[in-house]
Amino acid sequence: MTESKTMRVRADFNGLFGELLCLSHKDTCEDTDGNLVTLQTGMVLTAFDEDADEHGNRDDLIASGVVEPSPRWLRCNGSRWALRIDSHGVRHESELQSSS
């Protein structure tokens, strides 16, 4: 993990296409507090989607990476910005705590 805390933004992980995650159909998305974040090429951030474990406890899906404009094939579905997911891939937040 990186030492500095990266910004966290909401994303719908139903928009996951291999190593690309659709972040937004606009130029903004929401952070954890509901504030709008203007997306820009090269931003490093962590996307999350609320999820729960088998006992109903919150255990968000997360993926970190670099923001880039959506490729043409994804833009036809309305996506403007995507996250190129890093080598850690998509995982549950609880996996971070167990690997620390």
Protein backbone atom coordinates (compact mmCIF):
# COMPACT_ATOMS: atom_id res chain seq x y z
CA MET A 1 0.00 0.00 0.00
CA THR A 2 1.04 3.57 -0.46
CA GLU A 3 2.02 5.55 2.60
CA SER A 4 -0.10 8.58 1.77
CA LYS A 5 -3.84 8.18 1.97
CA THR A 6 -5.39 8.35 -1.48
CA MET A 7 -8.72 10.00 -2.16
CA ARG A 8 -11.70 7.62 -2.10
CA VAL A 9 -14.57 8.01 -4.55
CA ARG A 10 -17.80 6.10 -5.05
CA ALA A 11 -18.08 3.85 -8.10
CA ASP A 12 -20.48 1.21 -9.35
CA PHE A 13 -18.45 -1.97 -9.71
CA ASN A 14 -21.05 -3.26 -12.18
CA GLY A 15 -19.05 -1.00 -14.54
CA LEU A 16 -15.94 -3.18 -14.23
CA PHE A 17 -14.38 -4.21 -17.55
CA GLY A 18 -11.18 -6.15 -16.89
CA GLU A 19 -8.65 -3.67 -15.51
CA LEU A 20 -10.91 -0.68 -16.23
CA LEU A 21 -13.63 0.55 -13.90
CA CYS A 22 -16.08 3.13 -15.20
CA LEU A 23 -15.98 6.03 -12.73
CA SER A 24 -18.41 8.54 -14.15
CA HIS A 25 -20.61 9.56 -17.04
CA LYS A 26 -19.86 13.19 -16.05
CA ASP A 27 -16.66 15.09 -15.27
CA THR A 28 -17.23 14.59 -11.54
CA CYS A 29 -17.90 11.85 -9.04
CA GLU A 30 -18.56 11.77 -5.28
CA ASP A 31 -16.04 11.18 -2.54
CA THR A 32 -16.82 9.34 0.72
CA ASP A 33 -18.48 12.45 2.18
CA GLY A 34 -20.64 13.14 -0.88
CA ASN A 35 -18.47 16.03 -2.10
CA LEU A 36 -18.01 16.37 -5.85
CA VAL A 37 -14.54 15.58 -7.14
CA THR A 38 -13.54 16.84 -10.61
CA LEU A 39 -11.80 13.98 -12.40
CA GLN A 40 -8.56 14.58 -14.30
CA THR A 41 -6.15 12.39 -16.20
CA GLY A 42 -3.42 11.00 -13.95
CA MET A 43 -5.25 11.32 -10.62
CA VAL A 44 -4.41 8.46 -8.26
CA LEU A 45 -7.38 7.37 -6.21
CA THR A 46 -9.28 4.49 -4.68
CA ALA A 47 -12.78 3.64 -5.84
CA PHE A 48 -15.21 1.90 -3.50
CA ASP A 49 -18.64 0.34 -3.69
CA GLU A 50 -20.60 -0.50 -0.56
CA ASP A 51 -20.82 -4.24 -0.02
CA ALA A 52 -21.32 -6.65 2.87
CA ASP A 53 -19.80 -9.93 3.99
CA GLU A 54 -21.73 -13.16 4.51
CA HIS A 55 -22.80 -11.95 8.01
CA GLY A 56 -24.17 -8.63 6.76
CA ASN A 57 -21.20 -6.58 8.04
CA ARG A 58 -20.06 -3.77 5.77
CA ASP A 59 -17.06 -4.81 3.69
CA ASP A 60 -16.66 -2.47 0.72
CA LEU A 61 -15.25 -3.50 -2.62
CA ILE A 62 -12.22 -1.34 -3.40
CA ALA A 63 -9.81 -0.80 -6.28
CA SER A 64 -6.96 1.69 -6.60
CA GLY A 65 -5.40 3.06 -9.73
CA VAL A 66 -5.01 5.99 -12.09
CA VAL A 67 -7.81 7.99 -13.71
CA GLU A 68 -7.90 8.20 -17.50
CA PRO A 69 -10.44 9.19 -20.14
CA SER A 70 -12.66 6.25 -21.00
CA PRO A 71 -11.65 4.43 -24.19
CA ARG A 72 -13.88 4.89 -27.22
CA TRP A 73 -15.59 1.51 -26.78
CA LEU A 74 -16.66 2.47 -23.26
CA ARG A 75 -17.64 6.04 -24.16
CA CYS A 76 -20.37 4.68 -26.45
CA ASN A 77 -22.08 3.57 -23.23
CA GLY A 78 -21.81 7.10 -21.80
CA SER A 79 -18.67 6.67 -19.68
CA ARG A 80 -16.36 9.70 -19.62
CA TRP A 81 -13.80 8.64 -17.00
CA ALA A 82 -12.34 5.29 -16.01
CA LEU A 83 -9.94 3.99 -13.39
CA ARG A 84 -7.06 1.84 -14.66
CA ILE A 85 -6.81 -0.58 -11.75
CA ASP A 86 -3.37 -1.27 -10.32
CA SER A 87 -1.77 -4.69 -9.80
CA HIS A 88 -3.66 -5.21 -6.52
CA GLY A 89 -6.92 -5.58 -8.45
CA VAL A 90 -10.38 -5.46 -6.94
CA ARG A 91 -10.70 -6.70 -3.38
CA HIS A 92 -12.76 -6.35 -0.24
CA GLU A 93 -11.61 -3.82 2.31
CA SER A 94 -11.27 -6.58 4.93
CA GLU A 95 -8.49 -8.11 2.81
CA LEU A 96 -6.37 -4.99 3.45
CA GLN A 97 -6.64 -5.40 7.20
CA SER A 98 -5.77 -9.11 7.10
CA SER A 99 -2.65 -8.45 4.97
CA SER A 100 -1.31 -5.65 7.21
